[in-house]
C-alpha cells in the first residue's frame, strides 16, 4: 500500500509544501548501496528531503517553499 499526503503551511515570505510518500505492506526494505537518478534529482531540486528505509516500508518526506508563484487563467488552461 502507498499513502500519499501533502499540506501547505502558510508562511512568510513563502508558503511551504510538505509532501509525504509512505509505503507499507510490501517486501522488506533495505537502504540502497548507491544513489540513483531519482534520489539525485530530488536532492538537487528540493532542499529538504528525508528518505527513511525502515524494514516495514519506505518513507519520503519533502518540504519545499512555494514562493510567490502566480498563474493567470490562460497559463493554467494551457499548462
N, C-alpha and C. Protein backbone atom coordinates (compact mmCIF):
# COMPACT_ATOMS: atom_id res chain seq x y z
N UNK A 1 0.84 -1.17 0.00
CA UNK A 1 0.00 0.00 0.00
C UNK A 1 0.90 1.24 0.00
N UNK A 2 0.48 2.23 -0.76
CA UNK A 2 1.18 3.51 -0.80
C UNK A 2 0.20 4.58 -0.34
N UNK A 3 0.65 5.39 0.60
CA UNK A 3 -0.15 6.52 1.08
C UNK A 3 0.59 7.80 0.74
N UNK A 4 -0.09 8.70 0.04
CA UNK A 4 0.49 9.98 -0.35
C UNK A 4 -0.33 11.09 0.30
N UNK A 5 0.35 12.03 0.93
CA UNK A 5 -0.36 13.16 1.54
C UNK A 5 0.48 14.41 1.40
N UNK A 6 -0.19 15.56 1.48
CA UNK A 6 0.51 16.82 1.43
C UNK A 6 -0.31 17.89 2.14
N UNK A 7 0.40 18.89 2.61
CA UNK A 7 -0.23 20.06 3.21
C UNK A 7 0.53 21.29 2.75
N UNK A 8 -0.13 22.42 2.83
CA UNK A 8 0.53 23.69 2.54
C UNK A 8 0.45 24.52 3.81
N UNK A 9 1.61 24.91 4.30
CA UNK A 9 1.70 25.72 5.51
C UNK A 9 1.93 27.17 5.10
N UNK A 10 0.95 28.04 5.36
CA UNK A 10 1.16 29.45 5.03
C UNK A 10 2.31 30.01 5.86
N UNK A 11 3.16 30.75 5.22
CA UNK A 11 4.35 31.29 5.88
C UNK A 11 4.79 32.52 5.10
N UNK A 12 5.56 33.35 5.71
CA UNK A 12 6.12 34.50 5.00
C UNK A 12 7.61 34.35 4.88
N UNK A 13 8.22 34.62 3.80
CA UNK A 13 7.70 35.16 2.55
C UNK A 13 7.13 34.10 1.62
N UNK A 14 7.31 32.82 1.91
CA UNK A 14 6.81 31.77 1.02
C UNK A 14 6.11 30.68 1.83
N UNK A 15 5.01 30.17 1.29
CA UNK A 15 4.35 29.03 1.91
C UNK A 15 5.20 27.79 1.71
N UNK A 16 4.99 26.78 2.56
CA UNK A 16 5.77 25.55 2.49
C UNK A 16 4.85 24.39 2.11
N UNK A 17 5.22 23.67 1.07
CA UNK A 17 4.54 22.44 0.70
C UNK A 17 5.23 21.30 1.42
N UNK A 18 4.48 20.52 2.18
CA UNK A 18 5.01 19.32 2.85
C UNK A 18 4.35 18.11 2.21
N UNK A 19 5.17 17.27 1.59
CA UNK A 19 4.72 16.10 0.83
C UNK A 19 5.27 14.84 1.48
N UNK A 20 4.43 13.82 1.65
CA UNK A 20 4.86 12.55 2.24
C UNK A 20 4.42 11.39 1.35
N UNK A 21 5.35 10.47 1.12
CA UNK A 21 5.10 9.21 0.40
C UNK A 21 5.45 8.10 1.38
N UNK A 22 4.49 7.27 1.74
CA UNK A 22 4.71 6.19 2.72
C UNK A 22 4.27 4.86 2.11
N UNK A 23 5.19 3.90 2.07
CA UNK A 23 4.88 2.55 1.60
C UNK A 23 4.77 1.62 2.79
N UNK A 24 3.79 0.70 2.74
CA UNK A 24 3.61 -0.30 3.81
C UNK A 24 3.09 -1.60 3.20
N UNK A 25 3.40 -2.70 3.88
CA UNK A 25 2.84 -3.98 3.48
C UNK A 25 3.53 -4.67 2.32
N UNK A 26 4.64 -4.13 1.87
CA UNK A 26 5.38 -4.75 0.77
C UNK A 26 6.51 -5.60 1.31
N UNK A 27 7.42 -5.97 0.44
CA UNK A 27 8.57 -6.75 0.90
C UNK A 27 9.46 -5.91 1.81
N UNK A 28 10.31 -6.55 2.61
CA UNK A 28 11.22 -5.79 3.48
C UNK A 28 12.08 -4.82 2.66
N UNK A 29 12.36 -3.67 3.26
CA UNK A 29 13.10 -2.60 2.57
C UNK A 29 14.53 -2.57 3.09
N UNK A 30 15.47 -2.42 2.16
CA UNK A 30 16.88 -2.24 2.52
C UNK A 30 17.36 -0.93 1.93
N UNK A 31 18.19 -0.19 2.64
CA UNK A 31 18.75 1.04 2.06
C UNK A 31 19.56 0.71 0.80
N UNK A 32 19.50 1.59 -0.20
CA UNK A 32 20.26 1.33 -1.43
C UNK A 32 21.76 1.44 -1.17
N UNK A 33 22.55 0.79 -2.02
CA UNK A 33 24.00 0.86 -1.89
C UNK A 33 24.57 2.07 -2.64
N UNK A 34 23.76 2.68 -3.52
CA UNK A 34 24.18 3.89 -4.23
C UNK A 34 22.97 4.78 -4.44
N UNK A 35 23.23 6.05 -4.75
CA UNK A 35 22.15 6.98 -5.06
C UNK A 35 21.80 6.88 -6.52
N UNK A 36 20.53 6.61 -6.82
CA UNK A 36 20.07 6.56 -8.20
C UNK A 36 19.71 7.95 -8.71
N UNK A 37 19.29 8.00 -9.97
CA UNK A 37 18.96 9.27 -10.61
C UNK A 37 17.81 9.98 -9.87
N UNK A 38 16.77 9.24 -9.47
CA UNK A 38 15.63 9.84 -8.79
C UNK A 38 16.03 10.52 -7.49
N UNK A 39 16.86 9.87 -6.70
CA UNK A 39 17.32 10.46 -5.44
C UNK A 39 18.19 11.69 -5.70
N UNK A 40 19.06 11.60 -6.68
CA UNK A 40 19.90 12.75 -7.02
C UNK A 40 19.06 13.93 -7.49
N UNK A 41 18.03 13.65 -8.28
CA UNK A 41 17.15 14.71 -8.78
C UNK A 41 16.38 15.35 -7.62
N UNK A 42 15.82 14.54 -6.73
CA UNK A 42 15.11 15.08 -5.56
C UNK A 42 16.01 15.99 -4.73
N UNK A 43 17.22 15.54 -4.47
CA UNK A 43 18.15 16.33 -3.66
C UNK A 43 18.60 17.60 -4.37
N UNK A 44 18.65 17.58 -5.69
CA UNK A 44 19.05 18.77 -6.44
C UNK A 44 17.94 19.81 -6.49
N UNK A 45 16.70 19.35 -6.57
CA UNK A 45 15.56 20.26 -6.72
C UNK A 45 15.01 20.72 -5.38
N UNK A 46 15.02 19.84 -4.40
CA UNK A 46 14.41 20.13 -3.10
C UNK A 46 15.50 20.22 -2.03
N UNK A 47 15.45 21.26 -1.24
CA UNK A 47 16.49 21.44 -0.22
C UNK A 47 16.24 20.62 1.03
N UNK A 48 15.00 20.17 1.25
CA UNK A 48 14.68 19.43 2.47
C UNK A 48 14.00 18.11 2.11
N UNK A 49 14.80 17.06 1.92
CA UNK A 49 14.30 15.73 1.58
C UNK A 49 14.79 14.74 2.64
N UNK A 50 13.86 13.96 3.17
CA UNK A 50 14.23 12.92 4.14
C UNK A 50 13.74 11.58 3.62
N UNK A 51 14.66 10.64 3.44
CA UNK A 51 14.34 9.30 2.98
C UNK A 51 14.60 8.32 4.12
N UNK A 52 13.61 7.50 4.43
CA UNK A 52 13.74 6.52 5.51
C UNK A 52 13.47 5.13 4.94
N UNK A 53 14.43 4.24 5.14
CA UNK A 53 14.33 2.88 4.63
C UNK A 53 14.05 1.93 5.79
N UNK A 54 12.88 2.07 6.41
CA UNK A 54 12.51 1.20 7.53
C UNK A 54 12.17 -0.18 6.98
N UNK A 55 12.39 -1.21 7.77
CA UNK A 55 12.13 -2.58 7.33
C UNK A 55 10.68 -2.76 6.89
N UNK A 56 9.75 -2.08 7.56
CA UNK A 56 8.32 -2.26 7.24
C UNK A 56 7.83 -1.37 6.10
N UNK A 57 8.70 -0.51 5.54
CA UNK A 57 8.28 0.31 4.41
C UNK A 57 9.11 1.57 4.23
N UNK A 58 9.20 1.99 3.00
CA UNK A 58 9.95 3.20 2.63
C UNK A 58 9.09 4.42 2.90
N UNK A 59 9.73 5.54 3.31
CA UNK A 59 9.05 6.81 3.53
C UNK A 59 9.91 7.94 2.98
N UNK A 60 9.26 8.87 2.29
CA UNK A 60 9.92 10.06 1.76
C UNK A 60 9.14 11.29 2.23
N UNK A 61 9.82 12.21 2.89
CA UNK A 61 9.24 13.48 3.32
C UNK A 61 9.97 14.60 2.60
N UNK A 62 9.21 15.49 1.98
CA UNK A 62 9.78 16.62 1.25
C UNK A 62 9.11 17.90 1.75
N UNK A 63 9.91 18.91 2.03
CA UNK A 63 9.39 20.24 2.35
C UNK A 63 9.98 21.19 1.31
N UNK A 64 9.10 21.99 0.69
CA UNK A 64 9.56 22.85 -0.39
C UNK A 64 8.85 24.20 -0.30
N UNK A 65 9.62 25.30 -0.31
CA UNK A 65 8.98 26.61 -0.34
C UNK A 65 8.29 26.82 -1.69
N UNK A 66 7.08 27.36 -1.65
CA UNK A 66 6.32 27.56 -2.88
C UNK A 66 6.60 28.92 -3.51
N UNK A 67 7.02 29.89 -2.74
CA UNK A 67 7.33 31.20 -3.29
C UNK A 67 6.08 31.94 -3.70
N UNK A 68 6.28 32.97 -4.44
CA UNK A 68 5.18 33.83 -4.87
C UNK A 68 4.83 33.52 -6.32
N UNK A 69 4.58 32.27 -6.61
CA UNK A 69 4.24 31.86 -7.97
C UNK A 69 2.78 32.23 -8.24
N UNK A 70 2.55 32.93 -9.33
CA UNK A 70 1.20 33.31 -9.70
C UNK A 70 0.96 32.88 -11.13
N UNK A 71 -0.23 32.33 -11.37
CA UNK A 71 -0.59 31.89 -12.70
C UNK A 71 -1.85 32.62 -13.16
N UNK A 72 -1.85 33.02 -14.41
CA UNK A 72 -3.06 33.60 -14.98
C UNK A 72 -3.97 32.46 -15.40
N UNK A 73 -5.27 32.70 -15.57
CA UNK A 73 -6.17 31.63 -16.03
C UNK A 73 -5.72 31.03 -17.35
N UNK A 74 -5.12 31.86 -18.26
CA UNK A 74 -4.65 31.34 -19.53
C UNK A 74 -3.51 30.35 -19.34
N UNK A 75 -2.59 30.63 -18.42
CA UNK A 75 -1.46 29.74 -18.16
C UNK A 75 -1.96 28.41 -17.63
N UNK A 76 -2.91 28.45 -16.70
CA UNK A 76 -3.43 27.21 -16.11
C UNK A 76 -4.17 26.38 -17.16
N UNK A 77 -4.89 27.02 -18.06
CA UNK A 77 -5.65 26.30 -19.08
C UNK A 77 -4.73 25.64 -20.10
N UNK A 78 -3.59 26.27 -20.41
CA UNK A 78 -2.69 25.70 -21.41
C UNK A 78 -1.66 24.77 -20.83
N UNK A 79 -1.50 24.77 -19.48
CA UNK A 79 -0.44 24.05 -18.82
C UNK A 79 -0.60 22.60 -18.81
